[in-house]
Amino acid sequence: MSQGTEEPPSKRRILVVEDDPSISLGLRMNLESEGYEVALAEDGEVGLTRAMDGWDLLILDVMLPHLNGFEVLKALRARGVRTPVIMLSARNGEMDKVLGLELGAEDYVTKPFSLAELLARVRVALRRIVPERAPARVATRAWKFGNVVVDPETREVRRSGELVEVTAKEFDILVTLLGVNGRVLSRQQIFETVWGPNHHGTTRTIDNFMAQLRGKLEDDGTAPRHLVTVRGVGYRIVV
């Protein structure tokens, strides 16, 4: 038995969508040596089809033939697939990272990357998956503000009774703000709660997510009544 601190991966299933054989085969070899079950797809169309089969994690390249990684991720989220995604890309611009995270990626890793770091990020992403046999717990009540109801058990958001499509990260940000009972959270506090303290990203991402949430949940996204900015500090939800 391993003497490390990590629990065994229990044959978690990972799909790697990458068109560079040297990278995909290297990832497969190293992930399998860690105990994961790994499959490969070499272009966006094949990757999108295979990703519908149910995986614990997707490692998704951005620059792919036929469909790029952003298009694949957008299509998956539109179809209700919530599998965690780690994006790989040689494009290291801030807006590329922001786009990947806004579309619902769990993480964004730029090439060339450290294999040890990527494996660590894989473990972090998989730890965030709720186990199928979670211990019984008292049901959490739904939160309400204005005409919006947020149910943490079903991860559903409804506005005036109608289901609103939100990404996994949008939902996590909502729950983070609702969970502090109207207190103000800084961008850094929100970022660290949702993505973790060791995630390499920018707090500017939070502004983009809040703008999207306002557009979906406020009567007037340019003059929000509930998802409000506290200038110089951060954000809060007025219930």
Protein backbone atom coordinates (compact mmCIF):
# COMPACT_ATOMS: atom_id res chain seq x y z
CA MET A 1 0.00 0.00 0.00
CA SER A 2 1.23 3.47 -0.79
CA GLN A 3 2.58 5.47 2.13
CA GLY A 4 1.56 8.81 0.53
CA THR A 5 -1.27 11.00 1.71
CA GLU A 6 -3.41 10.58 -1.42
CA GLU A 7 -6.20 8.02 -1.48
CA PRO A 8 -6.06 5.52 -4.36
CA PRO A 9 -7.95 6.73 -7.42
CA SER A 10 -10.17 3.58 -7.49
CA LYS A 11 -9.99 3.36 -11.27
CA ARG A 12 -11.40 6.81 -11.94
CA ARG A 13 -12.05 7.13 -15.67
CA ILE A 14 -10.29 9.93 -17.59
CA LEU A 15 -10.75 10.89 -21.25
CA VAL A 16 -7.82 12.72 -22.85
CA VAL A 17 -8.76 14.72 -25.97
CA GLU A 18 -5.45 15.72 -27.58
CA ASP A 19 -4.26 15.63 -31.20
CA ASP A 20 -0.53 15.49 -30.44
CA PRO A 21 0.32 11.77 -30.08
CA SER A 22 3.46 12.43 -28.06
CA ILE A 23 1.43 14.34 -25.45
CA SER A 24 -1.62 12.07 -25.40
CA LEU A 25 0.38 8.85 -25.17
CA GLY A 26 2.64 10.34 -22.51
CA LEU A 27 -0.38 11.40 -20.49
CA ARG A 28 -2.00 8.01 -20.91
CA MET A 29 1.10 6.17 -19.73
CA ASN A 30 1.58 8.37 -16.67
CA LEU A 31 -2.09 8.50 -15.71
CA GLU A 32 -2.39 4.72 -16.00
CA SER A 33 0.70 4.35 -13.83
CA GLU A 34 -1.19 6.38 -11.21
CA GLY A 35 -4.03 3.86 -11.34
CA TYR A 36 -6.53 5.67 -13.58
CA GLU A 37 -8.44 4.17 -16.48
CA VAL A 38 -7.60 6.29 -19.54
CA ALA A 39 -9.00 6.60 -23.07
CA LEU A 40 -7.87 8.88 -25.90
CA ALA A 41 -9.58 10.95 -28.60
CA GLU A 42 -7.57 12.76 -31.27
CA ASP A 43 -9.98 15.43 -32.51
CA GLY A 44 -12.83 17.57 -31.25
CA GLU A 45 -15.69 15.71 -32.92
CA VAL A 46 -14.59 12.32 -31.62
CA GLY A 47 -13.87 13.85 -28.23
CA LEU A 48 -17.36 15.38 -28.00
CA THR A 49 -18.99 12.05 -28.87
CA ARG A 50 -16.89 10.06 -26.42
CA ALA A 51 -17.30 12.63 -23.65
CA MET A 52 -21.03 11.89 -23.57
CA ASP A 53 -20.32 8.36 -22.29
CA GLY A 54 -19.73 9.43 -18.69
CA TRP A 55 -16.25 10.10 -17.32
CA ASP A 56 -14.82 11.25 -14.04
CA LEU A 57 -12.59 13.82 -15.75
CA LEU A 58 -11.80 15.23 -19.20
CA ILE A 59 -8.37 16.56 -20.15
CA LEU A 60 -9.17 18.70 -23.17
CA ASP A 61 -6.75 20.40 -25.55
CA VAL A 62 -7.84 23.75 -26.99
CA MET A 63 -6.33 23.56 -30.48
CA LEU A 64 -8.04 20.50 -31.96
CA PRO A 65 -9.07 19.51 -35.51
CA HIS A 66 -12.75 19.79 -36.51
CA LEU A 67 -13.94 21.29 -33.20
CA ASN A 68 -11.66 23.24 -30.89
CA GLY A 69 -11.64 22.66 -27.15
CA PHE A 70 -13.78 25.71 -26.39
CA GLU A 71 -16.45 24.49 -28.82
CA VAL A 72 -16.36 20.99 -27.32
CA LEU A 73 -16.71 22.33 -23.78
CA LYS A 74 -19.55 24.69 -24.74
CA ALA A 75 -21.41 21.84 -26.46
CA LEU A 76 -20.98 19.55 -23.46
CA ARG A 77 -22.29 22.10 -20.99
CA ALA A 78 -25.22 22.93 -23.30
CA ARG A 79 -26.12 19.22 -23.27
CA GLY A 80 -26.03 19.08 -19.49
CA VAL A 81 -22.73 17.21 -19.16
CA ARG A 82 -21.08 18.41 -15.93
CA THR A 83 -17.93 16.28 -16.06
CA PRO A 84 -14.96 18.27 -14.66
CA VAL A 85 -12.65 19.51 -17.42
CA ILE A 86 -8.98 20.47 -17.34
CA MET A 87 -8.05 22.42 -20.46
CA LEU A 88 -4.60 22.25 -22.05
CA SER A 89 -3.34 24.99 -24.34
CA ALA A 90 -0.23 26.66 -25.71
CA ARG A 91 -2.31 29.86 -25.65
CA ASN A 92 -1.51 31.50 -22.34
CA GLY A 93 -3.34 34.81 -22.79
CA GLU A 94 -5.50 35.92 -19.87
CA MET A 95 -8.66 36.09 -21.98
CA ASP A 96 -8.17 32.51 -23.20
CA LYS A 97 -8.00 31.36 -19.59
CA VAL A 98 -11.02 33.46 -18.65
CA LEU A 99 -13.01 32.02 -21.58
CA GLY A 100 -12.17 28.45 -20.59
CA LEU A 101 -13.21 29.03 -16.99
CA GLU A 102 -16.37 30.90 -17.99
CA LEU A 103 -17.42 28.00 -20.21
CA GLY A 104 -17.18 25.73 -17.19
CA ALA A 105 -13.65 24.31 -17.13
CA GLU A 106 -12.36 23.23 -13.74
CA ASP A 107 -8.80 24.26 -14.57
CA TYR A 108 -6.65 25.67 -17.39
CA VAL A 109 -3.06 24.49 -17.85
CA THR A 110 -0.68 26.08 -20.34
CA LYS A 111 1.87 24.18 -22.43
CA PRO A 112 4.61 23.28 -21.84
CA PHE A 113 3.48 21.99 -18.47
CA SER A 114 5.07 20.10 -15.62
CA LEU A 115 3.78 16.52 -15.56
CA ALA A 116 3.93 16.45 -11.75
CA GLU A 117 1.86 19.64 -11.57
CA LEU A 118 -0.73 18.32 -14.03
CA LEU A 119 -1.08 15.07 -12.08
CA ALA A 120 -1.58 17.12 -8.91
CA ARG A 121 -4.30 19.16 -10.61
CA VAL A 122 -5.96 15.94 -11.76
CA ARG A 123 -6.06 14.73 -8.16
CA VAL A 124 -7.51 18.06 -6.98
CA ALA A 125 -10.21 18.01 -9.68
CA LEU A 126 -11.19 14.44 -8.85
CA ARG A 127 -11.34 15.17 -5.11
CA ARG A 128 -14.07 17.73 -5.81
CA ILE A 129 -16.38 15.08 -7.24
CA VAL A 130 -19.12 14.17 -4.77
CA PRO A 131 -18.84 10.43 -4.07
CA GLU A 132 -21.70 8.23 -5.21
CA ARG A 133 -22.08 6.86 -1.68
CA ALA A 134 -21.99 10.11 0.24
CA PRO A 135 -22.91 9.87 3.91
CA ALA A 136 -26.48 10.74 4.78
CA ARG A 137 -26.97 14.36 5.80
CA VAL A 138 -29.76 16.74 6.62
CA ALA A 139 -31.29 18.28 3.51
CA THR A 140 -30.18 21.85 2.86
CA ARG A 141 -32.93 24.35 2.32
CA ALA A 142 -33.17 26.33 -0.88
CA TRP A 143 -32.11 29.98 -0.92
CA LYS A 144 -34.35 32.71 -2.30
CA PHE A 145 -33.73 36.26 -3.43
CA GLY A 146 -36.16 38.29 -5.50
CA ASN A 147 -37.87 35.86 -7.86
CA VAL A 148 -34.89 33.48 -7.86
CA VAL A 149 -34.69 30.14 -6.02
CA VAL A 150 -31.34 28.31 -5.69
CA ASP A 151 -31.51 24.66 -4.63
CA PRO A 152 -28.12 23.35 -3.42
CA GLU A 153 -29.31 19.74 -3.39
CA THR A 154 -30.39 19.54 -7.03
CA ARG A 155 -28.01 22.33 -8.16
CA GLU A 156 -30.93 23.99 -9.91
CA VAL A 157 -31.62 27.69 -10.27
CA ARG A 158 -35.14 28.89 -11.07
CA ARG A 159 -36.36 32.37 -11.85
CA SER A 160 -40.11 32.94 -11.59
CA GLY A 161 -40.45 29.17 -11.60
CA GLU A 162 -38.53 28.70 -14.86
CA LEU A 163 -35.29 26.70 -14.85
CA VAL A 164 -32.24 28.87 -15.61
CA GLU A 165 -29.22 27.23 -17.24
CA VAL A 166 -26.10 28.10 -15.25
CA THR A 167 -22.62 26.63 -15.47
CA ALA A 168 -21.09 24.65 -12.60
CA LYS A 169 -18.85 27.58 -11.67
CA GLU A 170 -21.70 30.10 -11.84
CA PHE A 171 -23.66 27.91 -9.43
CA ASP A 172 -20.68 27.54 -7.09
CA ILE A 173 -20.21 31.32 -6.98
CA LEU A 174 -23.92 31.81 -6.21
CA VAL A 175 -23.80 29.28 -3.36
CA THR A 176 -20.59 30.83 -2.00
CA LEU A 177 -22.23 34.27 -1.77
CA LEU A 178 -25.54 32.95 -0.46
CA GLY A 179 -23.78 30.88 2.18
CA VAL A 180 -22.43 33.93 4.03
CA ASN A 181 -25.87 35.46 4.71
CA GLY A 182 -25.42 38.77 2.94
CA ARG A 183 -21.84 39.46 4.01
CA VAL A 184 -19.43 40.96 1.51
CA LEU A 185 -16.81 38.66 -0.01
CA SER A 186 -13.75 39.92 -1.83
CA ARG A 187 -12.94 38.62 -5.29
CA GLN A 188 -10.01 36.72 -3.80
CA GLN A 189 -12.23 35.04 -1.20
CA ILE A 190 -14.70 33.95 -3.86
CA PHE A 191 -11.93 32.75 -6.15
CA GLU A 192 -10.21 30.69 -3.44
CA THR A 193 -13.50 29.16 -2.29
CA VAL A 194 -14.60 28.09 -5.78
CA TRP A 195 -11.27 27.20 -7.42
CA GLY A 196 -9.09 26.50 -4.37
CA PRO A 197 -6.25 28.51 -2.81
CA ASN A 198 -3.54 27.03 -5.04
CA HIS A 199 -5.22 27.66 -8.37
CA HIS A 200 -3.27 29.82 -10.79
CA GLY A 201 -5.75 32.27 -12.21
CA THR A 202 -6.97 35.82 -12.06
CA THR A 203 -9.62 37.32 -9.78
CA ARG A 204 -10.84 39.27 -12.81
CA THR A 205 -12.62 36.05 -13.71
CA ILE A 206 -15.10 36.75 -10.90
CA ASP A 207 -16.22 40.00 -12.56
CA ASN A 208 -17.05 38.13 -15.76
CA PHE A 209 -19.01 35.45 -13.91
CA MET A 210 -20.96 38.06 -11.95
CA ALA A 211 -21.86 39.88 -15.17
CA GLN A 212 -23.18 36.62 -16.62
CA LEU A 213 -25.19 35.83 -13.49
CA ARG A 214 -26.72 39.30 -13.47
CA GLY A 215 -27.76 38.88 -17.08
CA LYS A 216 -29.53 35.64 -16.21
CA LEU A 217 -31.03 36.47 -12.82
CA GLU A 218 -31.58 40.22 -12.55
CA ASP A 219 -34.44 42.18 -14.14
CA ASP A 220 -31.83 44.67 -15.32
CA GLY A 221 -28.29 43.31 -15.37
CA THR A 222 -26.84 46.82 -15.67
CA ALA A 223 -28.60 47.97 -12.47
CA PRO A 224 -28.60 44.89 -10.22
CA ARG A 225 -30.75 44.83 -7.09
CA HIS A 226 -29.52 41.55 -5.63
CA LEU A 227 -26.08 40.65 -7.05
CA VAL A 228 -24.44 43.87 -5.99
CA THR A 229 -20.92 45.26 -6.11
CA VAL A 230 -19.46 46.75 -2.95
CA ARG A 231 -17.01 49.20 -4.44
CA GLY A 232 -13.42 48.61 -3.43
CA VAL A 233 -14.29 45.39 -1.60
CA GLY A 234 -16.11 42.75 -3.64
CA TYR A 235 -19.62 41.34 -3.98
CA ARG A 236 -22.62 40.39 -1.88
CA ILE A 237 -26.13 39.10 -2.48
CA VAL A 238 -28.98 41.21 -1.13
CA VAL A 239 -31.78 38.80 -0.20
